[in-house]
C-alpha atoms as a PDB file:
ATOM      1  CA  UNK A   1     104.776  94.537  91.396  1.00  0.00           C
ATOM      2  CA  UNK A   2     101.456  94.862  93.169  1.00  0.00           C
ATOM      3  CA  UNK A   3     100.769  97.326  95.958  1.00  0.00           C
ATOM      4  CA  UNK A   4      97.948  97.906  98.415  1.00  0.00           C
ATOM      5  CA  UNK A   5      97.284 101.487  99.506  1.00  0.00           C
ATOM      6  CA  UNK A   6      95.298 101.715 102.759  1.00  0.00           C
ATOM      7  CA  UNK A   7      94.259 105.356 103.163  1.00  0.00           C
ATOM      8  CA  UNK A   8      90.933 106.781 104.360  1.00  0.00           C
ATOM      9  CA  UNK A   9      91.438 110.242 102.846  1.00  0.00           C
ATOM     10  CA  UNK A  10      90.051 109.821  99.333  1.00  0.00           C
ATOM     11  CA  UNK A  11      92.079 112.608  97.752  1.00  0.00           C
ATOM     12  CA  UNK A  12      95.312 111.257  99.199  1.00  0.00           C
ATOM     13  CA  UNK A  13      94.454 107.679  98.220  1.00  0.00           C
ATOM     14  CA  UNK A  14      93.688 108.719  94.641  1.00  0.00           C
ATOM     15  CA  UNK A  15      96.879 110.768  94.388  1.00  0.00           C
ATOM     16  CA  UNK A  16      99.011 107.902  95.690  1.00  0.00           C
ATOM     17  CA  UNK A  17      97.363 105.322  93.427  1.00  0.00           C
ATOM     18  CA  UNK A  18      97.648 107.536  90.353  1.00  0.00           C
ATOM     19  CA  UNK A  19     101.285 108.382  90.979  1.00  0.00           C
ATOM     20  CA  UNK A  20     102.301 104.803  91.742  1.00  0.00           C
ATOM     21  CA  UNK A  21     100.517 103.470  88.666  1.00  0.00           C
ATOM     22  CA  UNK A  22     102.478 105.946  86.577  1.00  0.00           C
ATOM     23  CA  UNK A  23     105.588 104.400  88.103  1.00  0.00           C
ATOM     24  CA  UNK A  24     104.495 101.031  86.743  1.00  0.00           C
ATOM     25  CA  UNK A  25     102.949  99.430  89.820  1.00  0.00           C
ATOM     26  CA  UNK A  26      99.606  97.655  89.971  1.00  0.00           C
ATOM     27  CA  UNK A  27      97.731  99.359  92.809  1.00  0.00           C
ATOM     28  CA  UNK A  28      94.631  98.441  94.823  1.00  0.00           C
ATOM     29  CA  UNK A  29      93.161 100.923  97.305  1.00  0.00           C
ATOM     30  CA  UNK A  30      90.941 100.602 100.377  1.00  0.00           C
ATOM     31  CA  UNK A  31      89.814 103.149 102.944  1.00  0.00           C
ATOM     32  CA  UNK A  32      89.573 101.201 106.201  1.00  0.00           C
ATOM     33  CA  UNK A  33      91.374  98.580 108.209  1.00  0.00           C
ATOM     34  CA  UNK A  34      88.847  95.774 107.859  1.00  0.00           C
ATOM     35  CA  UNK A  35      88.904  95.970 104.063  1.00  0.00           C
ATOM     36  CA  UNK A  36      92.703  96.005 104.129  1.00  0.00           C
ATOM     37  CA  UNK A  37      92.803  92.809 106.170  1.00  0.00           C
ATOM     38  CA  UNK A  38      90.376  91.136 103.763  1.00  0.00           C
ATOM     39  CA  UNK A  39      92.276  92.134 100.608  1.00  0.00           C
ATOM     40  CA  UNK A  40      95.626  91.143 102.090  1.00  0.00           C
ATOM     41  CA  UNK A  41      94.142  87.702 102.802  1.00  0.00           C
ATOM     42  CA  UNK A  42      93.015  87.205  99.196  1.00  0.00           C
ATOM     43  CA  UNK A  43      95.855  88.802  97.238  1.00  0.00           C
ATOM     44  CA  UNK A  44      99.639  88.715  97.306  1.00  0.00           C
ATOM     45  CA  UNK A  45     101.076  92.219  97.652  1.00  0.00           C
ATOM     46  CA  UNK A  46     104.731  93.170  97.446  1.00  0.00           C
ATOM     47  CA  UNK A  47     104.272  96.317  99.546  1.00  0.00           C
ATOM     48  CA  UNK A  48     101.378  97.564 101.684  1.00  0.00           C
ATOM     49  CA  UNK A  49     101.225 101.328 102.256  1.00  0.00           C
ATOM     50  CA  UNK A  50      99.341 101.571 105.528  1.00  0.00           C
ATOM     51  CA  UNK A  51      97.991 104.796 106.980  1.00  0.00           C
ATOM     52  CA  UNK A  52      98.243 104.613 110.755  1.00  0.00           C
ATOM     53  CA  UNK A  53      95.185 106.708 111.583  1.00  0.00           C
ATOM     54  CA  UNK A  54      92.430 104.582 110.053  1.00  0.00           C
ATOM     55  CA  UNK A  55      88.749 104.498 111.012  1.00  0.00           C
ATOM     56  CA  UNK A  56      87.393 101.261 112.430  1.00  0.00           C
ATOM     57  CA  UNK A  57      90.351  98.944 112.821  1.00  0.00           C
ATOM     58  CA  UNK A  58      93.302 101.196 113.635  1.00  0.00           C
ATOM     59  CA  UNK A  59      96.417 101.012 111.475  1.00  0.00           C
ATOM     60  CA  UNK A  60      98.435  99.695 114.412  1.00  0.00           C
ATOM     61  CA  UNK A  61      96.057  96.750 114.774  1.00  0.00           C
ATOM     62  CA  UNK A  62      96.048  96.123 111.021  1.00  0.00           C
ATOM     63  CA  UNK A  63      99.838  95.989 111.051  1.00  0.00           C
ATOM     64  CA  UNK A  64      99.873  93.685 114.066  1.00  0.00           C
ATOM     65  CA  UNK A  65      97.408  91.261 112.457  1.00  0.00           C
ATOM     66  CA  UNK A  66      99.174  91.239 109.084  1.00  0.00           C
ATOM     67  CA  UNK A  67     102.509  90.470 110.713  1.00  0.00           C
ATOM     68  CA  UNK A  68     100.854  87.824 112.892  1.00  0.00           C
ATOM     69  CA  UNK A  69      99.440  86.120 109.800  1.00  0.00           C
ATOM     70  CA  UNK A  70     102.854  86.018 108.213  1.00  0.00           C
ATOM     71  CA  UNK A  71     101.809  88.147 105.246  1.00  0.00           C
ATOM     72  CA  UNK A  72     104.760  88.270 102.845  1.00  0.00           C
ATOM     73  CA  UNK A  73     104.249  91.881 101.724  1.00  0.00           C
ATOM     74  CA  UNK A  74     106.426  94.584 103.239  1.00  0.00           C
ATOM     75  CA  UNK A  75     104.595  97.232 105.260  1.00  0.00           C
ATOM     76  CA  UNK A  76     105.303 100.939 104.841  1.00  0.00           C
ATOM     77  CA  UNK A  77     103.430 102.821 107.544  1.00  0.00           C
ATOM     78  CA  UNK A  78     102.293 106.384 106.803  1.00  0.00           C
ATOM     79  CA  UNK A  79     101.339 108.815 109.540  1.00  0.00           C
ATOM     80  CA  UNK A  80     100.833 112.485 110.263  1.00  0.00           C
ATOM     81  CA  UNK A  81     102.735 112.019 113.524  1.00  0.00           C
ATOM     82  CA  UNK A  82     106.456 112.189 112.921  1.00  0.00           C
ATOM     83  CA  UNK A  83     107.978 111.945 116.391  1.00  0.00           C
ATOM     84  CA  UNK A  84     110.736 109.482 117.186  1.00  0.00           C
ATOM     85  CA  UNK A  85     108.421 107.684 119.608  1.00  0.00           C
ATOM     86  CA  UNK A  86     105.782 107.213 116.899  1.00  0.00           C
ATOM     87  CA  UNK A  87     108.387 105.855 114.503  1.00  0.00           C
ATOM     88  CA  UNK A  88     109.788 103.430 117.061  1.00  0.00           C
ATOM     89  CA  UNK A  89     106.291 102.259 118.000  1.00  0.00           C
ATOM     90  CA  UNK A  90     105.378 101.662 114.358  1.00  0.00           C
ATOM     91  CA  UNK A  91     108.505  99.642 113.676  1.00  0.00           C
ATOM     92  CA  UNK A  92     107.970  97.697 116.900  1.00  0.00           C
ATOM     93  CA  UNK A  93     104.590  96.589 115.568  1.00  0.00           C
ATOM     94  CA  UNK A  94     106.364  94.916 112.651  1.00  0.00           C
ATOM     95  CA  UNK A  95     106.269  97.637 110.000  1.00  0.00           C
ATOM     96  CA  UNK A  96     109.255  97.502 107.655  1.00  0.00           C
ATOM     97  CA  UNK A  97     109.500 101.249 107.143  1.00  0.00           C
ATOM     98  CA  UNK A  98     107.880 104.438 108.382  1.00  0.00           C
ATOM     99  CA  UNK A  99     107.185 107.714 106.559  1.00  0.00           C
ATOM    100  CA  UNK A 100     105.725 110.874 108.051  1.00  0.00           C
ATOM    101  CA  UNK A 101     103.221 113.095 106.258  1.00  0.00           C
ATOM    102  CA  UNK A 102     103.671 115.334 104.415  1.00  0.00           C
ATOM    103  CA  UNK A 103     106.308 113.578 102.325  1.00  0.00           C
ATOM    104  CA  UNK A 104     107.891 114.081  98.926  1.00  0.00           C
ATOM    105  CA  UNK A 105     106.461 111.642  96.402  1.00  0.00           C
ATOM    106  CA  UNK A 106     109.912 110.716  94.964  1.00  0.00           C
ATOM    107  CA  UNK A 107     110.960 109.644  98.458  1.00  0.00           C
ATOM    108  CA  UNK A 108     107.862 107.469  98.778  1.00  0.00           C
ATOM    109  CA  UNK A 109     108.609 105.829  95.413  1.00  0.00           C
ATOM    110  CA  UNK A 110     112.210 105.178  96.442  1.00  0.00           C
ATOM    111  CA  UNK A 111     111.112 103.592  99.713  1.00  0.00           C
ATOM    112  CA  UNK A 112     108.504 101.436  97.967  1.00  0.00           C
ATOM    113  CA  UNK A 113     111.087 100.251  95.436  1.00  0.00           C
ATOM    114  CA  UNK A 114     113.557  99.433  98.213  1.00  0.00           C
ATOM    115  CA  UNK A 115     110.944  97.445 100.127  1.00  0.00           C
ATOM    116  CA  UNK A 116     109.808  95.632  96.990  1.00  0.00           C
ATOM    117  CA  UNK A 117     113.360  94.418  96.434  1.00  0.00           C
ATOM    118  CA  UNK A 118     113.259  92.867  99.910  1.00  0.00           C
ATOM    119  CA  UNK A 119     110.250  90.652  99.218  1.00  0.00           C
ATOM    120  CA  UNK A 120     110.665  86.911  99.666  1.00  0.00           C
ATOM    121  CA  UNK A 121     112.596  85.749  97.762  1.00  0.00           C
ATOM    122  CA  UNK A 122     114.559  88.982  97.690  1.00  0.00           C
ATOM    123  CA  UNK A 123     114.715  90.709  94.332  1.00  0.00           C
ATOM    124  CA  UNK A 124     118.164  92.092  93.456  1.00  0.00           C
ATOM    125  CA  UNK A 125     118.281  95.524  91.802  1.00  0.00           C
ATOM    126  CA  UNK A 126     119.671  94.017  88.577  1.00  0.00           C
ATOM    127  CA  UNK A 127     118.168  90.814  87.173  1.00  0.00           C
ATOM    128  CA  UNK A 128     119.912  88.775  84.476  1.00  0.00           C
ATOM    129  CA  UNK A 129     118.761  85.875  82.337  1.00  0.00           C
ATOM    130  CA  UNK A 130     120.992  84.930  79.431  1.00  0.00           C
ATOM    131  CA  UNK A 131     121.735  88.077  77.429  1.00  0.00           C
ATOM    132  CA  UNK A 132     118.800  89.903  79.018  1.00  0.00           C
ATOM    133  CA  UNK A 133     119.393  92.435  81.815  1.00  0.00           C
ATOM    134  CA  UNK A 134     116.660  94.164  83.818  1.00  0.00           C
ATOM    135  CA  UNK A 135     117.700  97.041  86.065  1.00  0.00           C
ATOM    136  CA  UNK A 136     114.749  97.399  88.437  1.00  0.00           C
ATOM    137  CA  UNK A 137     116.182 100.529  90.084  1.00  0.00           C
ATOM    138  CA  UNK A 138     116.351 102.433  86.786  1.00  0.00           C
ATOM    139  CA  UNK A 139     113.546 100.444  85.120  1.00  0.00           C
ATOM    140  CA  UNK A 140     115.899  99.783  82.235  1.00  0.00           C
ATOM    141  CA  UNK A 141     115.941  96.692  80.021  1.00  0.00           C
ATOM    142  CA  UNK A 142     118.828  95.627  77.789  1.00  0.00           C
ATOM    143  CA  UNK A 143     119.368  92.642  75.561  1.00  0.00           C
ATOM    144  CA  UNK A 144     122.878  91.907  74.364  1.00  0.00           C
ATOM    145  CA  UNK A 145     123.737  95.452  75.415  1.00  0.00           C
ATOM    146  CA  UNK A 146     120.919  97.046  73.414  1.00  0.00           C
ATOM    147  CA  UNK A 147     118.472  99.161  75.418  1.00  0.00           C
ATOM    148  CA  UNK A 148     114.846  98.143  74.872  1.00  0.00           C
ATOM    149  CA  UNK A 149     112.066 100.662  75.605  1.00  0.00           C
ATOM    150  CA  UNK A 150     108.970  98.967  77.034  1.00  0.00           C
ATOM    151  CA  UNK A 151     105.531 100.126  78.121  1.00  0.00           C
ATOM    152  CA  UNK A 152     104.785  99.892  81.838  1.00  0.00           C
ATOM    153  CA  UNK A 153     102.756  96.703  81.425  1.00  0.00           C
ATOM    154  CA  UNK A 154     105.311  95.069  79.125  1.00  0.00           C
ATOM    155  CA  UNK A 155     107.974  95.870  81.689  1.00  0.00           C
ATOM    156  CA  UNK A 156     105.835  94.473  84.516  1.00  0.00           C
ATOM    157  CA  UNK A 157     105.240  91.223  82.632  1.00  0.00           C
ATOM    158  CA  UNK A 158     108.950  90.855  81.909  1.00  0.00           C
ATOM    159  CA  UNK A 159     109.912  91.421  85.545  1.00  0.00           C
ATOM    160  CA  UNK A 160     107.470  88.728  86.677  1.00  0.00           C
ATOM    161  CA  UNK A 161     108.894  86.267  84.143  1.00  0.00           C
ATOM    162  CA  UNK A 162     112.461  87.035  85.232  1.00  0.00           C
ATOM    163  CA  UNK A 163     111.521  86.708  88.896  1.00  0.00           C
ATOM    164  CA  UNK A 164     110.032  83.279  88.194  1.00  0.00           C
ATOM    165  CA  UNK A 165     113.557  82.008  87.393  1.00  0.00           C
ATOM    166  CA  UNK A 166     112.491  79.707  84.591  1.00  0.00           C
ATOM    167  CA  UNK A 167     109.236  78.541  86.173  1.00  0.00           C
ATOM    168  CA  UNK A 168     106.016  78.767  84.170  1.00  0.00           C
ATOM    169  CA  UNK A 169     103.851  81.808  84.912  1.00  0.00           C
ATOM    170  CA  UNK A 170     100.190  81.582  83.905  1.00  0.00           C
ATOM    171  CA  UNK A 171      98.252  84.378  82.230  1.00  0.00           C
ATOM    172  CA  UNK A 172      96.067  84.517  85.335  1.00  0.00           C
ATOM    173  CA  UNK A 173      99.117  85.049  87.562  1.00  0.00           C
ATOM    174  CA  UNK A 174     100.409  87.795  85.301  1.00  0.00           C
ATOM    175  CA  UNK A 175      97.031  89.496  85.298  1.00  0.00           C
ATOM    176  CA  UNK A 176      96.951  89.374  89.096  1.00  0.00           C
ATOM    177  CA  UNK A 177     100.513  90.604  89.590  1.00  0.00           C
ATOM    178  CA  UNK A 178     100.854  93.284  86.892  1.00  0.00           C
ATOM    179  CA  UNK A 179      97.327  94.652  86.731  1.00  0.00           C
ATOM    180  CA  UNK A 180      95.038  95.425  89.701  1.00  0.00           C
ATOM    181  CA  UNK A 181      91.736  94.204  91.120  1.00  0.00           C
ATOM    182  CA  UNK A 182      89.798  96.147  88.473  1.00  0.00           C
ATOM    183  CA  UNK A 183      91.304  94.131  85.630  1.00  0.00           C
ATOM    184  CA  UNK A 184      88.805  92.098  83.607  1.00  0.00           C
ATOM    185  CA  UNK A 185      89.769  88.407  84.014  1.00  0.00           C
ATOM    186  CA  UNK A 186      88.377  87.748  80.527  1.00  0.00           C
ATOM    187  CA  UNK A 187      90.358  90.492  78.817  1.00  0.00           C
ATOM    188  CA  UNK A 188      93.214  89.887  76.404  1.00  0.00           C
ATOM    189  CA  UNK A 189      95.462  92.396  78.201  1.00  0.00           C
ATOM    190  CA  UNK A 190      98.146  89.813  78.956  1.00  0.00           C
ATOM    191  CA  UNK A 191      98.215  88.548  75.382  1.00  0.00           C
ATOM    192  CA  UNK A 192      98.477  92.077  73.986  1.00  0.00           C
ATOM    193  CA  UNK A 193     101.355  92.923  76.348  1.00  0.00           C
ATOM    194  CA  UNK A 194     103.064  89.637  75.497  1.00  0.00           C
ATOM    195  CA  UNK A 195     102.859  90.304  71.746  1.00  0.00           C
ATOM    196  CA  UNK A 196     104.485  93.701  72.178  1.00  0.00           C
ATOM    197  CA  UNK A 197     107.120  92.335  74.538  1.00  0.00           C
ATOM    198  CA  UNK A 198     108.105  89.507  72.196  1.00  0.00           C
ATOM    199  CA  UNK A 199     108.390  91.896  69.257  1.00  0.00           C
ATOM    200  CA  UNK A 200     110.608  94.334  71.140  1.00  0.00           C
ATOM    201  CA  UNK A 201     112.878  91.658  72.603  1.00  0.00           C
ATOM    202  CA  UNK A 202     113.508  90.364  69.093  1.00  0.00           C
ATOM    203  CA  UNK A 203     115.222  87.157  68.014  1.00  0.00           C
ATOM    204  CA  UNK A 204     116.060  84.606  69.158  1.00  0.00           C
ATOM    205  CA  UNK A 205     112.733  84.357  70.972  1.00  0.00           C
ATOM    206  CA  UNK A 206     113.220  85.010  74.681  1.00  0.00           C
ATOM    207  CA  UNK A 207     109.760  83.929  75.860  1.00  0.00           C
ATOM    208  CA  UNK A 208     108.418  80.412  75.501  1.00  0.00           C
ATOM    209  CA  UNK A 209     104.684  79.659  75.441  1.00  0.00           C
ATOM    210  CA  UNK A 210     103.465  76.431  77.021  1.00  0.00           C
ATOM    211  CA  UNK A 211      99.965  76.006  75.716  1.00  0.00           C
ATOM    212  CA  UNK A 212      97.370  75.662  78.434  1.00  0.00           C
ATOM    213  CA  UNK A 213      99.951  76.487  81.127  1.00  0.00           C
ATOM    214  CA  UNK A 214     101.494  79.903  80.541  1.00  0.00           C
ATOM    215  CA  UNK A 215     104.827  81.487  79.741  1.00  0.00           C
ATOM    216  CA  UNK A 216     108.418  81.216  80.806  1.00  0.00           C
ATOM    217  CA  UNK A 217     111.615  83.027  80.003  1.00  0.00           C
ATOM    218  CA  UNK A 218     114.229  81.057  78.100  1.00  0.00           C
ATOM    219  CA  UNK A 219     117.800  80.996  79.324  1.00  0.00           C
ATOM    220  CA  UNK A 220     119.329  79.876  76.068  1.00  0.00           C
ATOM    221  CA  UNK A 221     119.514  80.976  72.445  1.00  0.00           C
ATOM    222  CA  UNK A 222     117.518  78.199  70.817  1.00  0.00           C
ATOM    223  CA  UNK A 223     114.429  80.336  70.166  1.00  0.00           C
ATOM    224  CA  UNK A 224     110.928  79.580  71.416  1.00  0.00           C
ATOM    225  CA  UNK A 225     107.393  78.806  70.405  1.00  0.00           C
END
């Protein structure tokens, strides 16, 4: 899942990005409202963490414009003001959730995960394809009952393939969704993650390669290319 962190305090932005990446999310960061509006126009984010007190374009206005554009990503508004009035005002602007600073990082992660599951189409907490089960709440993968340990990127790739529901997902789409804006479009990161994922999932092959198009998850036991 890909997140956008909009926070003008550099230390806070770095801490949030670092922590969320360790949780397996691809994270982009910006420090002002105008940049946030631009990035949200170019990229598809599952959740946008939006500081309310931004320089330039205020967080309230950013939220209002994003909602007005019909941006699919859920908005979690962050603010130093924690009064009931502030919370109500933020939700009235179209934010999906509201969190006051200072906050406990585990709570932030839980709220982000909950919002991510409400993206369109909604993502259930447990995804199943054939004998493969992905528990997104526990970040746990099982095949035929056997638990499979994955790296963060392998897990991210698998979730995107499961979410596609049998549709083909290109390497470019995987790079955009699982990595962040700093990823080299000419790197072999997707291929490396795919090799590791295939090996760990074992036989019969769960992932099918369509040359020149991308990858898709098989829903049968016939094996794949």
